[in-house]
Amino acid sequence: MNKILIKNAKIVNEGVVFEGDVLIENEIIVEIAESISAKSSDCKIIDAEGNFLIPGAIDDQVHFREPGLTHKGDIESESRAAVAGGITTYIEQPNTVPNAVTQEILEQKYVLASQKSFANYSFMMGATNDNLEEVLKTNPKNVAGIKIFLGSSTGNMLVDNEATLEKIFSSTSLLIAVHCEDETIIRTNLAQYKELYGEDIPVSAHHLIRSEEACYISSSKAVALAKKTGARLHIFHLSTAKEMELFTNKIPLEEKKITAEVCIHHLWFTNDDYATKGNLIKWNPAVKTAHDRKVLWEALLDDRIDVIATDHAPHTLEEKQKSYLDAPSGGPLVQHAVVAMFEAHHQGKISVEKIVEKMCHNPAKIFKIHKRGFIKVGYFADLVIVNAGLPWSVKKENILAKCGWSPFEGFTFKSRITHTFVNGQLVYNAFKVKDIRAGKRLEFER
């Protein structure tokens, strides 16, 4: 039997921080108390004195690039980076190659993950303009939800037929997650910038091409359609102040039919950073202004925004070094997301309890994930120890994403992930990921 006793931790769970011990047996948390004694000599003891013990983060939006795009990343490499960053569970998106738009292709991804993943996993079923029959076969017990691209991204999955959209929204009880950007507005803006600059458009125009208006028009349409049909809607990677008008904090999360997510890069960077970071911070939706970032933080803290995620989407450095028009959008973030939020905690922007709420508890609630996202007896032992006073710098040699770069390269974080447990197994410790693929397929309470 695998037994681990974590002693003297500052346990963070459900809005409270308390000092205590946690006992793990095999995959499960079996006891939480002020003091627990090891009852057998084969129990491994880890002293976490002075450090936070949090539930493993649940990243509800990643692109791990397998199958078909594995020169950028793969399930093994990116899940390794995830556990090093304190993310023990991820939900991966369908715009791989081939796109996960049939049940057969979707299941093939689960088979790959069962062989390769260091972290727990689920995969979204992709919707297109013509695969409703396949979408409706999706099993709500073991698939996270349906993903719809209302703006084009990596792959060719844009759903722009309004009748099809309404049919999807009205035909499934599964959570529908959406990427919201209006393609017509983006094309119009791009044409204007091509007139001004030809093929040499500066990356600093990215947030003006993929504009506030493009985001708001698309998000507002999705919200209106969800209200009309009663669909369960979750809007990914919100990036503008204006979109915050669409969301409420007037009801508990459990009663919300429409929920919202913000990503690390939209909370960290602004359009001013294009001058130094260039295409490395080119994402869709675009990083916007300092005002947008300020209002996103306000909405996160007052609970209009429910989840913090990464939209981890690696590309090679060679691809990113192309001209603005040719460089793909997206970047690696799973390894640095939790410590980036702890950095914001050091800056007085957010409490540790709120970080845990938005990165651990709320994704578990929104997707109805079975027995994960909390530090509770009977739950899976997905746990992370964070030393909030152990600085380290992001360098090429400690970046684990396959692409080998990070927008945080050169930055020194004040906090460090020291231990990550996935299903009770210590998979990461002291900058080293152990060769233990402990991840399991998620189950959902639906």
Protein backbone atom coordinates (compact mmCIF):
# COMPACT_ATOMS: atom_id res chain seq x y z
CA MET A 1 0.00 0.00 0.00
CA ASN A 2 1.22 3.48 -0.91
CA LYS A 3 1.05 5.66 2.22
CA ILE A 4 2.15 9.28 2.39
CA LEU A 5 1.73 11.62 5.35
CA ILE A 6 2.06 15.35 4.66
CA LYS A 7 2.80 17.14 7.94
CA ASN A 8 2.48 20.75 9.15
CA ALA A 9 1.05 22.18 5.94
CA LYS A 10 -0.92 25.39 5.50
CA ILE A 11 -3.91 23.61 3.94
CA VAL A 12 -5.97 25.77 1.58
CA ASN A 13 -9.51 24.56 0.92
CA GLU A 14 -12.94 26.15 0.44
CA GLY A 15 -11.94 29.65 1.47
CA VAL A 16 -10.01 28.67 4.59
CA VAL A 17 -6.29 28.26 5.38
CA PHE A 18 -5.53 26.02 8.37
CA GLU A 19 -2.46 24.21 9.61
CA GLY A 20 -2.63 20.47 9.65
CA ASP A 21 -1.70 17.08 8.27
CA VAL A 22 -3.04 15.03 5.36
CA LEU A 23 -2.79 11.25 5.09
CA ILE A 24 -2.87 9.59 1.68
CA GLU A 25 -3.40 5.87 1.16
CA ASN A 26 -3.00 4.64 -2.39
CA GLU A 27 -4.93 7.17 -4.54
CA ILE A 28 -7.15 8.67 -1.87
CA ILE A 29 -7.05 11.26 0.93
CA VAL A 30 -8.08 9.22 3.98
CA GLU A 31 -7.55 11.67 6.86
CA ILE A 32 -7.18 15.42 7.44
CA ALA A 33 -6.45 16.56 10.98
CA GLU A 34 -4.48 19.01 13.08
CA SER A 35 -1.99 16.25 13.81
CA ILE A 36 -1.74 12.73 12.42
CA SER A 37 0.79 10.13 13.56
CA ALA A 38 2.28 7.67 11.10
CA LYS A 39 0.72 4.35 12.01
CA SER A 40 3.23 2.17 10.18
CA SER A 41 6.92 2.22 9.30
CA ASP A 42 6.20 2.09 5.56
CA CYS A 43 4.48 5.50 5.59
CA LYS A 44 6.49 8.16 3.74
CA ILE A 45 6.50 11.44 5.72
CA ILE A 46 6.85 14.82 4.01
CA ASP A 47 7.26 17.86 6.26
CA ALA A 48 5.56 20.84 4.55
CA GLU A 49 6.09 23.28 7.42
CA GLY A 50 5.62 26.89 6.32
CA ASN A 51 4.34 25.84 2.90
CA PHE A 52 0.89 25.88 1.33
CA LEU A 53 -0.85 22.62 0.45
CA ILE A 54 -3.40 23.23 -2.30
CA PRO A 55 -5.53 20.94 -4.46
CA GLY A 56 -3.89 20.25 -7.80
CA ALA A 57 -4.92 22.89 -10.32
CA ILE A 58 -7.44 21.93 -13.00
CA ASP A 59 -6.69 23.60 -16.33
CA ASP A 60 -9.91 23.58 -18.34
CA GLN A 61 -8.30 24.66 -21.62
CA VAL A 62 -5.08 23.31 -23.10
CA HIS A 63 -3.80 22.34 -26.54
CA PHE A 64 -1.29 19.51 -26.17
CA ARG A 65 -0.97 19.08 -29.97
CA GLU A 66 -1.30 15.31 -30.21
CA PRO A 67 -2.06 13.82 -32.69
CA GLY A 68 -0.78 15.57 -35.77
CA LEU A 69 1.12 18.58 -34.44
CA THR A 70 3.63 16.83 -32.22
CA HIS A 71 6.62 18.90 -33.39
CA LYS A 72 5.10 21.63 -31.17
CA GLY A 73 4.21 19.47 -28.17
CA ASP A 74 2.66 16.15 -27.21
CA ILE A 75 0.68 14.64 -24.37
CA GLU A 76 3.79 13.30 -22.64
CA SER A 77 5.88 16.49 -22.84
CA GLU A 78 3.11 18.95 -22.02
CA SER A 79 1.59 16.92 -19.18
CA ARG A 80 5.09 16.67 -17.72
CA ALA A 81 5.32 20.47 -17.82
CA ALA A 82 1.84 20.67 -16.29
CA VAL A 83 2.65 18.60 -13.19
CA ALA A 84 5.88 20.57 -12.73
CA GLY A 85 3.64 23.63 -12.64
CA GLY A 86 1.16 22.22 -10.11
CA ILE A 87 -1.53 21.37 -12.68
CA THR A 88 -2.72 17.82 -12.00
CA THR A 89 -5.72 17.76 -14.35
CA TYR A 90 -6.30 19.19 -17.82
CA ILE A 91 -9.05 19.37 -20.41
CA GLU A 92 -7.63 19.32 -23.94
CA GLN A 93 -9.20 20.87 -27.02
CA PRO A 94 -10.25 19.21 -30.29
CA ASN A 95 -8.28 21.22 -32.87
CA THR A 96 -5.55 18.61 -33.24
CA VAL A 97 -4.89 16.86 -36.58
CA PRO A 98 -7.18 15.23 -37.43
CA ASN A 99 -9.73 17.36 -35.56
CA ALA A 100 -11.52 15.44 -32.80
CA VAL A 101 -14.93 15.70 -34.47
CA THR A 102 -15.90 12.02 -34.51
CA GLN A 103 -16.28 9.68 -31.56
CA GLU A 104 -13.62 7.40 -33.04
CA ILE A 105 -10.98 10.14 -33.29
CA LEU A 106 -11.92 11.43 -29.83
CA GLU A 107 -11.46 7.97 -28.32
CA GLN A 108 -8.07 7.59 -30.00
CA LYS A 109 -6.88 10.63 -28.03
CA TYR A 110 -8.02 8.99 -24.78
CA VAL A 111 -6.03 5.87 -25.66
CA LEU A 112 -2.90 7.98 -26.25
CA ALA A 113 -3.35 9.78 -22.94
CA SER A 114 -3.83 6.51 -21.04
CA GLN A 115 -0.35 5.51 -22.17
CA LYS A 116 1.45 8.84 -21.88
CA SER A 117 -0.13 11.33 -19.45
CA PHE A 118 1.50 12.39 -16.20
CA ALA A 119 -1.68 14.31 -15.24
CA ASN A 120 -5.39 13.48 -15.24
CA TYR A 121 -7.09 14.21 -18.54
CA SER A 122 -10.25 14.74 -20.50
CA PHE A 123 -10.79 15.81 -24.09
CA MET A 124 -13.48 18.04 -25.57
CA MET A 125 -15.58 16.82 -28.47
CA GLY A 126 -15.33 19.26 -31.38
CA ALA A 127 -18.35 20.69 -33.18
CA THR A 128 -18.34 21.69 -36.85
CA ASN A 129 -20.96 22.98 -39.26
CA ASP A 130 -21.96 19.42 -40.15
CA ASN A 131 -21.25 16.88 -37.37
CA LEU A 132 -24.25 17.29 -35.05
CA GLU A 133 -25.03 13.56 -35.18
CA GLU A 134 -21.53 12.74 -33.87
CA VAL A 135 -21.70 15.50 -31.25
CA LEU A 136 -24.91 14.06 -29.84
CA LYS A 137 -23.25 10.66 -29.30
CA THR A 138 -20.88 12.20 -26.72
CA ASN A 139 -20.97 10.42 -23.36
CA PRO A 140 -21.52 13.00 -20.56
CA LYS A 141 -20.05 10.62 -17.96
CA ASN A 142 -16.53 10.54 -19.39
CA VAL A 143 -16.17 13.49 -21.81
CA ALA A 144 -15.73 17.05 -20.52
CA GLY A 145 -18.02 18.77 -23.02
CA ILE A 146 -18.48 20.20 -26.50
CA LYS A 147 -16.08 22.80 -27.94
CA ILE A 148 -17.19 25.32 -30.56
CA PHE A 149 -14.87 27.79 -32.27
CA LEU A 150 -16.89 30.90 -33.08
CA GLY A 151 -13.61 32.45 -34.22
CA SER A 152 -10.98 30.67 -36.30
CA SER A 153 -7.93 29.34 -34.51
CA THR A 154 -5.41 26.56 -35.09
CA GLY A 155 -7.14 24.06 -37.34
CA ASN A 156 -10.26 24.45 -39.45
CA MET A 157 -13.12 24.23 -36.97
CA LEU A 158 -14.95 27.54 -37.36
CA VAL A 159 -18.70 27.10 -36.81
CA ASP A 160 -20.37 30.04 -38.54
CA ASN A 161 -23.73 28.62 -39.58
CA GLU A 162 -26.27 30.21 -37.23
CA ALA A 163 -28.90 27.50 -37.76
CA THR A 164 -26.30 24.84 -36.91
CA LEU A 165 -25.25 26.73 -33.78
CA GLU A 166 -28.80 26.99 -32.53
CA LYS A 167 -29.35 23.30 -33.21
CA ILE A 168 -26.24 22.35 -31.20
CA PHE A 169 -27.19 24.69 -28.33
CA SER A 170 -30.74 23.35 -28.17
CA SER A 171 -29.89 19.64 -28.64
CA THR A 172 -27.39 18.85 -25.90
CA SER A 173 -27.36 19.09 -22.11
CA LEU A 174 -23.56 18.87 -22.12
CA LEU A 175 -21.48 21.91 -21.26
CA ILE A 176 -20.71 23.90 -24.42
CA ALA A 177 -17.40 25.76 -24.32
CA VAL A 178 -16.83 28.49 -26.88
CA HIS A 179 -14.02 30.55 -28.40
CA CYS A 180 -15.70 33.90 -29.17
CA GLU A 181 -14.36 36.23 -31.86
CA ASP A 182 -16.37 37.58 -34.79
CA GLU A 183 -14.68 36.47 -37.99
CA THR A 184 -16.29 39.13 -40.23
CA ILE A 185 -15.02 41.98 -38.04
CA ILE A 186 -11.53 40.45 -37.88
CA ARG A 187 -11.35 40.08 -41.66
CA THR A 188 -12.46 43.68 -42.15
CA ASN A 189 -9.90 44.97 -39.65
CA LEU A 190 -7.14 42.85 -41.21
CA ALA A 191 -7.91 44.23 -44.67
CA GLN A 192 -7.60 47.79 -43.33
CA TYR A 193 -4.20 47.05 -41.75
CA LYS A 194 -2.99 45.38 -44.95
CA GLU A 195 -3.85 48.58 -46.79
CA LEU A 196 -1.76 50.53 -44.29
CA TYR A 197 1.23 48.19 -43.93
CA GLY A 198 1.06 45.65 -46.75
CA GLU A 199 2.54 42.35 -45.55
CA ASP A 200 4.56 44.06 -42.78
CA ILE A 201 1.83 44.56 -40.19
CA PRO A 202 3.39 45.07 -36.72
CA VAL A 203 2.36 42.62 -33.97
CA SER A 204 1.33 45.70 -31.93
CA ALA A 205 -1.75 45.85 -34.18
CA HIS A 206 -2.91 42.36 -33.13
CA HIS A 207 -5.32 43.61 -30.46
CA LEU A 208 -6.75 46.14 -32.93
CA ILE A 209 -7.32 43.52 -35.63
CA ARG A 210 -8.74 40.94 -33.24
CA SER A 211 -10.50 43.78 -31.50
CA GLU A 212 -12.69 44.42 -28.49
CA GLU A 213 -15.65 44.69 -30.84
CA ALA A 214 -14.87 41.30 -32.46
CA CYS A 215 -14.81 39.68 -29.02
CA TYR A 216 -17.87 41.42 -27.61
CA ILE A 217 -20.12 40.85 -30.64
CA SER A 218 -19.32 37.13 -30.63
CA SER A 219 -19.57 36.67 -26.84
CA SER A 220 -22.86 38.56 -26.66
CA LYS A 221 -24.32 36.39 -29.43
CA ALA A 222 -23.26 33.22 -27.59
CA VAL A 223 -24.79 34.47 -24.33
CA ALA A 224 -28.04 35.42 -26.10
CA LEU A 225 -28.23 32.00 -27.76
CA ALA A 226 -27.60 30.23 -24.44
CA LYS A 227 -30.36 32.23 -22.78
CA LYS A 228 -32.72 31.49 -25.67
CA THR A 229 -32.07 27.74 -25.70
CA GLY A 230 -31.26 27.11 -22.03
CA ALA A 231 -27.89 25.66 -22.99
CA ARG A 232 -25.06 25.27 -20.47
CA LEU A 233 -22.46 27.74 -21.76
CA HIS A 234 -18.86 28.31 -20.67
CA ILE A 235 -16.96 31.10 -22.45
CA PHE A 236 -13.24 30.56 -22.75
CA HIS A 237 -10.40 33.12 -22.52
CA LEU A 238 -12.28 36.41 -22.14
CA SER A 239 -10.01 39.35 -22.90
CA THR A 240 -11.95 42.64 -22.82
CA ALA A 241 -13.48 44.97 -20.26
CA LYS A 242 -16.65 45.29 -22.35
CA GLU A 243 -17.38 41.56 -22.23
CA MET A 244 -17.60 41.72 -18.43
CA GLU A 245 -21.01 43.37 -18.84
CA LEU A 246 -22.32 39.97 -20.00
CA PHE A 247 -21.71 38.12 -16.74
CA THR A 248 -23.20 38.12 -13.27
CA ASN A 249 -22.07 37.47 -9.72
CA LYS A 250 -25.61 37.68 -8.34
CA ILE A 251 -26.12 33.92 -8.04
CA PRO A 252 -23.96 31.08 -6.69
CA LEU A 253 -21.72 29.30 -9.18
CA GLU A 254 -23.74 26.10 -8.84
CA GLU A 255 -26.82 27.93 -10.17
CA LYS A 256 -25.10 29.64 -13.11
CA LYS A 257 -25.99 28.39 -16.60
CA ILE A 258 -23.43 30.75 -18.17
CA THR A 259 -19.89 30.79 -16.78
CA ALA A 260 -16.69 32.62 -17.69
CA GLU A 261 -12.96 31.94 -17.87
CA VAL A 262 -9.90 34.21 -18.02
CA CYS A 263 -6.39 33.10 -18.91
CA ILE A 264 -3.04 33.86 -17.32
CA HIS A 265 -1.73 35.90 -20.25
CA HIS A 266 -4.73 38.25 -20.25
CA LEU A 267 -4.20 38.86 -16.53
CA TRP A 268 -0.44 39.37 -16.88
CA PHE A 269 0.44 41.09 -20.17
CA THR A 270 -0.92 44.17 -22.00
CA ASN A 271 -0.52 45.50 -25.53
CA ASP A 272 2.48 47.51 -24.28
CA ASP A 273 4.35 44.21 -23.97
CA TYR A 274 4.24 43.57 -27.72
CA ALA A 275 7.22 45.96 -27.98
CA THR A 276 9.48 43.52 -26.09
CA LYS A 277 7.72 40.15 -26.43
CA GLY A 278 6.47 40.41 -30.02
CA ASN A 279 4.84 37.25 -31.38
CA LEU A 280 5.67 35.38 -28.17
CA ILE A 281 2.52 36.95 -26.70
CA LYS A 282 0.45 36.68 -29.87
CA TRP A 283 -2.66 34.81 -28.75
CA ASN A 284 -6.23 34.55 -30.00
CA PRO A 285 -8.06 36.36 -28.48
CA ALA A 286 -5.36 39.01 -28.37
CA VAL A 287 -3.74 40.45 -25.28
CA LYS A 288 -5.53 43.80 -24.91
CA THR A 289 -4.99 47.08 -23.03
CA ALA A 290 -4.07 47.89 -19.43
CA HIS A 291 -7.68 49.00 -18.90
CA ASP A 292 -8.96 45.62 -20.13
CA ARG A 293 -6.56 43.83 -17.80
CA LYS A 294 -7.68 45.97 -14.86
CA VAL A 295 -11.36 45.19 -15.44
CA LEU A 296 -10.63 41.47 -15.96
CA TRP A 297 -8.99 41.43 -12.53
CA GLU A 298 -12.00 43.22 -11.02
CA ALA A 299 -14.39 40.70 -12.59
CA LEU A 300 -12.26 37.79 -11.41
CA LEU A 301 -12.27 39.04 -7.84
CA ASP A 302 -16.00 39.88 -7.74
CA ASP A 303 -16.92 36.48 -9.25
CA ARG A 304 -18.22 37.52 -12.64
CA ILE A 305 -15.31 35.43 -13.91
CA ASP A 306 -15.30 31.92 -12.48
CA VAL A 307 -12.13 30.18 -13.71
CA ILE A 308 -8.44 30.89 -14.35
CA ALA A 309 -6.90 28.73 -17.10
CA THR A 310 -3.94 28.80 -19.48
CA ASP A 311 -5.01 28.12 -23.08
CA HIS A 312 -1.57 26.48 -23.22
CA ALA A 313 -0.90 26.28 -26.97
CA PRO A 314 2.77 25.76 -27.84
CA HIS A 315 4.41 26.56 -31.17
CA THR A 316 8.08 26.22 -32.06
CA LEU A 317 10.32 29.25 -31.65
CA GLU A 318 11.02 29.08 -35.38
CA GLU A 319 7.29 29.44 -36.09
CA LYS A 320 6.96 32.30 -33.64
CA GLN A 321 9.90 34.16 -35.22
CA LYS A 322 8.09 34.52 -38.53
CA SER A 323 6.41 37.77 -39.57
CA TYR A 324 3.22 38.81 -37.79
CA LEU A 325 0.95 37.47 -40.54
CA ASP A 326 2.72 34.10 -40.68
CA ALA A 327 3.41 33.53 -36.97
CA PRO A 328 0.80 31.31 -35.29
CA SER A 329 -1.10 32.39 -32.17
CA GLY A 330 -0.60 30.71 -28.82
CA GLY A 331 2.13 29.92 -26.33
CA PRO A 332 3.19 27.56 -23.51
CA LEU A 333 1.87 28.39 -20.03
CA VAL A 334 1.09 25.29 -17.92
CA GLN A 335 4.44 25.19 -16.13
CA HIS A 336 4.20 28.78 -14.90
CA ALA A 337 0.48 29.42 -14.36
CA VAL A 338 0.18 28.62 -10.65
CA VAL A 339 3.36 30.47 -9.69
CA ALA A 340 2.25 33.43 -11.84
CA MET A 341 -0.91 33.66 -9.75
CA PHE A 342 1.13 33.36 -6.55
CA GLU A 343 3.21 36.25 -7.91
CA ALA A 344 -0.03 38.24 -8.14
CA HIS A 345 -0.71 37.19 -4.54
CA HIS A 346 2.68 38.63 -3.50
CA GLN A 347 1.67 41.85 -5.28
CA GLY A 348 -1.50 42.04 -3.17
CA LYS A 349 -3.87 41.40 -6.07
CA ILE A 350 -5.42 38.10 -4.95
CA SER A 351 -5.57 35.83 -1.90
CA VAL A 352 -4.30 32.26 -1.95
CA GLU A 353 -7.83 31.13 -1.10
CA LYS A 354 -9.14 32.90 -4.22
CA ILE A 355 -6.43 31.34 -6.39
CA VAL A 356 -7.53 27.91 -5.21
CA GLU A 357 -11.18 28.76 -5.78
CA LYS A 358 -10.58 29.83 -9.39
CA MET A 359 -7.97 27.24 -10.40
CA CYS A 360 -9.09 24.16 -8.45
CA HIS A 361 -12.60 24.28 -6.94
CA ASN A 362 -14.51 26.09 -9.68
CA PRO A 363 -13.34 24.03 -12.66
CA ALA A 364 -14.32 20.92 -10.70
CA LYS A 365 -17.76 22.38 -10.02
CA ILE A 366 -18.39 23.74 -13.52
CA PHE A 367 -17.48 20.48 -15.26
CA LYS A 368 -18.87 18.33 -12.41
CA ILE A 369 -15.60 16.42 -12.10
CA HIS A 370 -15.83 13.39 -9.84
CA LYS A 371 -13.89 13.77 -6.57
CA ARG A 372 -11.19 16.19 -7.67
CA GLY A 373 -10.40 19.86 -7.07
CA PHE A 374 -10.71 19.83 -3.26
CA ILE A 375 -8.76 18.62 -0.24
CA LYS A 376 -11.40 16.33 1.25
CA VAL A 377 -11.47 12.87 2.76
CA GLY A 378 -12.49 10.37 0.08
CA TYR A 379 -11.24 12.55 -2.78
CA PHE A 380 -8.40 11.64 -5.10
CA ALA A 381 -5.05 12.82 -3.73
CA ASP A 382 -4.22 15.42 -6.38
CA LEU A 383 -2.17 17.79 -4.24
CA VAL A 384 0.50 20.45 -4.63
CA ILE A 385 2.92 21.92 -2.10
CA VAL A 386 3.87 25.54 -2.81
CA ASN A 387 6.75 27.32 -1.09
CA ALA A 388 5.76 30.97 -1.38
CA GLY A 389 9.25 32.18 -0.43
CA LEU A 390 11.62 30.17 -2.59
CA PRO A 391 12.54 32.26 -5.66
CA TRP A 392 13.59 30.75 -8.97
CA SER A 393 14.19 32.09 -12.46
CA VAL A 394 12.72 30.78 -15.69
CA LYS A 395 15.59 29.69 -17.95
CA LYS A 396 15.82 27.68 -21.15
CA GLU A 397 17.25 24.72 -19.25
CA ASN A 398 14.29 24.45 -16.82
CA ILE A 399 11.49 24.90 -19.38
CA LEU A 400 9.78 21.53 -19.86
CA ALA A 401 7.38 22.34 -22.70
CA LYS A 402 8.59 20.65 -25.89
CA CYS A 403 8.81 24.00 -27.71
CA GLY A 404 11.60 25.04 -25.32
CA TRP A 405 10.59 28.66 -24.72
CA SER A 406 8.29 30.65 -22.46
CA PRO A 407 6.96 34.21 -22.41
CA PHE A 408 8.17 34.23 -18.79
CA GLU A 409 11.78 33.43 -19.71
CA GLY A 410 14.10 35.59 -17.63
CA PHE A 411 11.47 36.30 -14.98
CA THR A 412 12.15 35.40 -11.35
CA PHE A 413 9.13 34.04 -9.49
CA LYS A 414 8.99 34.37 -5.72
CA SER A 415 7.13 31.05 -5.29
CA ARG A 416 8.03 27.52 -6.28
CA ILE A 417 6.11 24.27 -6.68
CA THR A 418 8.06 21.79 -4.56
CA HIS A 419 5.85 18.67 -4.73
CA THR A 420 3.04 17.52 -7.01
CA PHE A 421 0.94 14.44 -6.27
CA VAL A 422 -1.33 12.87 -8.90
CA ASN A 423 -3.69 10.17 -7.62
CA GLY A 424 -1.55 9.82 -4.50
CA GLN A 425 1.74 9.39 -6.35
CA LEU A 426 4.55 11.89 -5.95
CA VAL A 427 5.23 12.72 -9.60
CA TYR A 428 7.23 15.92 -9.17
CA ASN A 429 9.74 17.01 -6.54
CA ALA A 430 12.62 19.50 -6.49
CA PHE A 431 12.60 20.45 -10.18
CA LYS A 432 12.38 16.81 -11.28
CA VAL A 433 9.43 14.99 -12.84
CA LYS A 434 9.52 11.30 -11.97
CA ASP A 435 8.84 8.78 -14.72
CA ILE A 436 5.38 7.99 -13.32
CA ARG A 437 2.47 8.42 -15.72
CA ALA A 438 -0.13 8.59 -12.98
CA GLY A 439 -2.87 10.39 -14.89
CA LYS A 440 -6.36 8.95 -15.13
CA ARG A 441 -9.32 9.67 -17.38
CA LEU A 442 -11.73 12.02 -15.67
CA GLU A 443 -15.21 10.94 -14.69
CA PHE A 444 -18.08 13.41 -14.44
CA GLU A 445 -21.06 13.46 -12.08
CA ARG A 446 -23.78 13.95 -14.69
